[in-house]
Amino acid sequence: MRVMVIVKASEESEAGRMPSQELLTAMGAFNEELVEAGVMLGGEGLQPSARGVRVDLSADGPPTVIDGPFPGTGELIAGYWIWRVEDMAEALEWAKRIPTPGPGPAGTVELRPVLEAEDFGDELTPELREREQRLRDRLGD
C-alpha cells in the first residue's frame, strides 16, 4: 500500500525558519534509510503558505484565488513523503522514527492511505482503469 505522510506546519515553518544543520543531517540519514528499505517513493518540504495561493473551485461560478499566508497553522502542510509499505502498522513504525529537533513536542505528522484503483469499485470502468494505467506508466509509477 502507499501512504502519504503529511508533515503539519509549525510557527517556525510558517515563518520560513529553516531546520538546524543537525536536524537536516538526521533527516537526510532517515531519508536514506527509507530509500534503501524501498519505502520512500517521494517527498519534499514546502515553502511557507505566504508564498502560496489557494484556488476555491465552484460549480456555480469562476474559481476564486486567495493569496497566502493562510490562517490555522495546525491545518497547513510543511512537507510530505509518499511511502510504500505493507500495511499501516509498518507506516507507523517508520513514522515513530522521524527525527525531531529536540526534546518536547516537535510537531505532528498525519498518515493517510493513498486511494488505489480497486478502492473505486465499479465506478472506475475498465476504460477509466486503462486510462489511469497509461498515465501511471508515463509517470513511471
Protein backbone atom coordinates (compact mmCIF):
# COMPACT_ATOMS: atom_id res chain seq x y z
CA MET A 1 0.00 0.00 0.00
CA ARG A 2 1.02 3.59 -0.50
CA VAL A 3 0.78 6.07 2.36
CA MET A 4 1.07 9.84 2.31
CA VAL A 5 2.85 11.15 5.37
CA ILE A 6 1.73 14.75 5.83
CA VAL A 7 4.06 16.92 7.90
CA LYS A 8 1.97 19.59 9.60
CA ALA A 9 3.24 23.17 9.58
CA SER A 10 4.51 24.89 12.69
CA GLU A 11 5.04 28.52 13.65
CA GLU A 12 8.70 28.04 12.68
CA SER A 13 7.98 26.56 9.24
CA GLU A 14 5.37 29.23 8.51
CA ALA A 15 7.90 31.92 9.48
CA GLY A 16 10.31 30.44 6.94
CA ARG A 17 12.86 29.40 9.58
CA MET A 18 14.96 26.56 8.24
CA PRO A 19 15.83 23.50 10.35
CA SER A 20 19.23 23.28 12.02
CA GLN A 21 22.16 21.57 10.32
CA GLU A 22 21.86 18.83 12.94
CA LEU A 23 18.21 18.17 12.07
CA LEU A 24 18.92 18.34 8.32
CA THR A 25 21.68 15.75 8.78
CA ALA A 26 19.41 13.45 10.81
CA MET A 27 16.59 13.85 8.28
CA GLY A 28 18.94 13.09 5.39
CA ALA A 29 20.08 9.89 7.12
CA PHE A 30 16.45 8.91 7.78
CA ASN A 31 15.53 9.54 4.12
CA GLU A 32 18.49 7.40 3.01
CA GLU A 33 17.26 4.62 5.26
CA LEU A 34 13.75 4.90 3.78
CA VAL A 35 15.14 4.74 0.24
CA GLU A 36 17.43 1.79 1.00
CA ALA A 37 14.47 -0.09 2.51
CA GLY A 38 12.41 0.57 -0.63
CA VAL A 39 9.84 2.55 1.36
CA MET A 40 10.28 6.13 0.13
CA LEU A 41 8.70 6.92 -3.23
CA GLY A 42 8.93 10.69 -2.92
CA GLY A 43 8.83 13.61 -0.58
CA GLU A 44 9.56 17.30 -0.29
CA GLY A 45 9.40 20.20 2.10
CA LEU A 46 7.13 23.09 1.20
CA GLN A 47 7.61 26.85 1.29
CA PRO A 48 5.53 28.77 3.88
CA SER A 49 1.91 29.45 2.97
CA ALA A 50 2.79 33.14 2.46
CA ARG A 51 4.39 32.03 -0.81
CA GLY A 52 1.32 30.06 -1.92
CA VAL A 53 -2.16 30.60 -3.25
CA ARG A 54 -5.43 28.78 -2.80
CA VAL A 55 -7.97 28.26 -5.53
CA ASP A 56 -11.53 27.77 -4.33
CA LEU A 57 -13.41 25.88 -7.04
CA SER A 58 -17.13 26.24 -7.57
CA ALA A 59 -19.59 24.58 -9.92
CA ASP A 60 -21.65 27.78 -9.75
CA GLY A 61 -19.07 30.30 -10.90
CA PRO A 62 -15.46 31.08 -11.61
CA PRO A 63 -12.70 29.90 -9.27
CA THR A 64 -11.63 32.30 -6.52
CA VAL A 65 -7.90 32.83 -5.98
CA ILE A 66 -6.73 33.64 -2.44
CA ASP A 67 -3.14 34.70 -1.77
CA GLY A 68 -1.31 33.35 1.29
CA PRO A 69 -0.45 33.42 4.09
CA PHE A 70 -3.28 31.28 5.38
CA PRO A 71 -4.58 31.12 8.97
CA GLY A 72 -4.64 27.99 11.08
CA THR A 73 -1.04 26.77 11.24
CA GLY A 74 -2.20 23.37 12.54
CA GLU A 75 -4.11 22.77 9.32
CA LEU A 76 -1.28 23.73 6.98
CA ILE A 77 1.26 21.36 5.45
CA ALA A 78 5.02 21.92 5.70
CA GLY A 79 6.06 18.84 3.72
CA TYR A 80 5.22 15.29 2.78
CA TRP A 81 6.51 11.83 1.96
CA ILE A 82 4.95 9.09 -0.13
CA TRP A 83 5.87 5.68 1.29
CA ARG A 84 5.21 2.16 0.00
CA VAL A 85 4.63 -0.15 2.96
CA GLU A 86 2.96 -3.49 3.64
CA ASP A 87 0.34 -2.00 5.96
CA MET A 88 -0.43 0.91 8.26
CA ALA A 89 1.42 -0.78 11.13
CA GLU A 90 4.66 -0.63 9.13
CA ALA A 91 4.00 3.02 8.25
CA LEU A 92 3.51 3.80 11.95
CA GLU A 93 6.80 2.13 12.84
CA TRP A 94 8.62 4.32 10.31
CA ALA A 95 6.75 7.45 11.43
CA LYS A 96 7.78 6.91 15.06
CA ARG A 97 11.41 7.16 13.90
CA ILE A 98 11.13 10.54 12.15
CA PRO A 99 13.89 12.79 13.52
CA THR A 100 12.80 15.72 15.71
CA PRO A 101 14.58 18.97 16.57
CA GLY A 102 14.99 18.18 20.26
CA PRO A 103 13.14 17.29 23.45
CA GLY A 104 9.49 18.14 23.92
CA PRO A 105 6.66 18.38 21.40
CA ALA A 106 8.14 18.63 17.92
CA GLY A 107 5.17 18.63 15.58
CA THR A 108 2.64 16.34 14.02
CA VAL A 109 2.58 14.03 11.05
CA GLU A 110 -0.59 12.55 9.60
CA LEU A 111 -0.55 9.19 7.79
CA ARG A 112 -3.19 8.65 5.12
CA PRO A 113 -3.55 5.65 2.80
CA VAL A 114 -3.47 6.61 -0.87
CA LEU A 115 -6.54 5.53 -2.83
CA GLU A 116 -5.79 2.69 -5.22
CA ALA A 117 -7.79 1.76 -8.32
CA GLU A 118 -9.60 -1.09 -6.56
CA ASP A 119 -10.91 1.35 -3.94
CA PHE A 120 -13.20 2.96 -6.55
CA GLY A 121 -15.19 -0.20 -7.27
CA ASP A 122 -17.36 -0.45 -10.38
CA GLU A 123 -17.39 3.33 -10.92
CA LEU A 124 -13.85 3.01 -12.28
CA THR A 125 -14.75 1.27 -15.53
CA PRO A 126 -12.24 -0.84 -17.49
CA GLU A 127 -11.79 2.12 -19.86
CA LEU A 128 -11.07 4.50 -16.97
CA ARG A 129 -8.70 1.96 -15.39
CA GLU A 130 -6.82 1.65 -18.69
CA ARG A 131 -6.56 5.42 -18.99
CA GLU A 132 -5.30 5.68 -15.41
CA GLN A 133 -2.71 2.97 -16.04
CA ARG A 134 -1.45 4.75 -19.16
CA LEU A 135 -0.93 7.90 -17.10
CA ARG A 136 0.89 5.95 -14.36
CA ASP A 137 3.10 4.30 -16.96
CA ARG A 138 4.04 7.73 -18.31
CA LEU A 139 4.86 8.91 -14.78
CA GLY A 140 6.95 5.85 -14.04
CA ASP A 141 4.79 4.69 -11.10
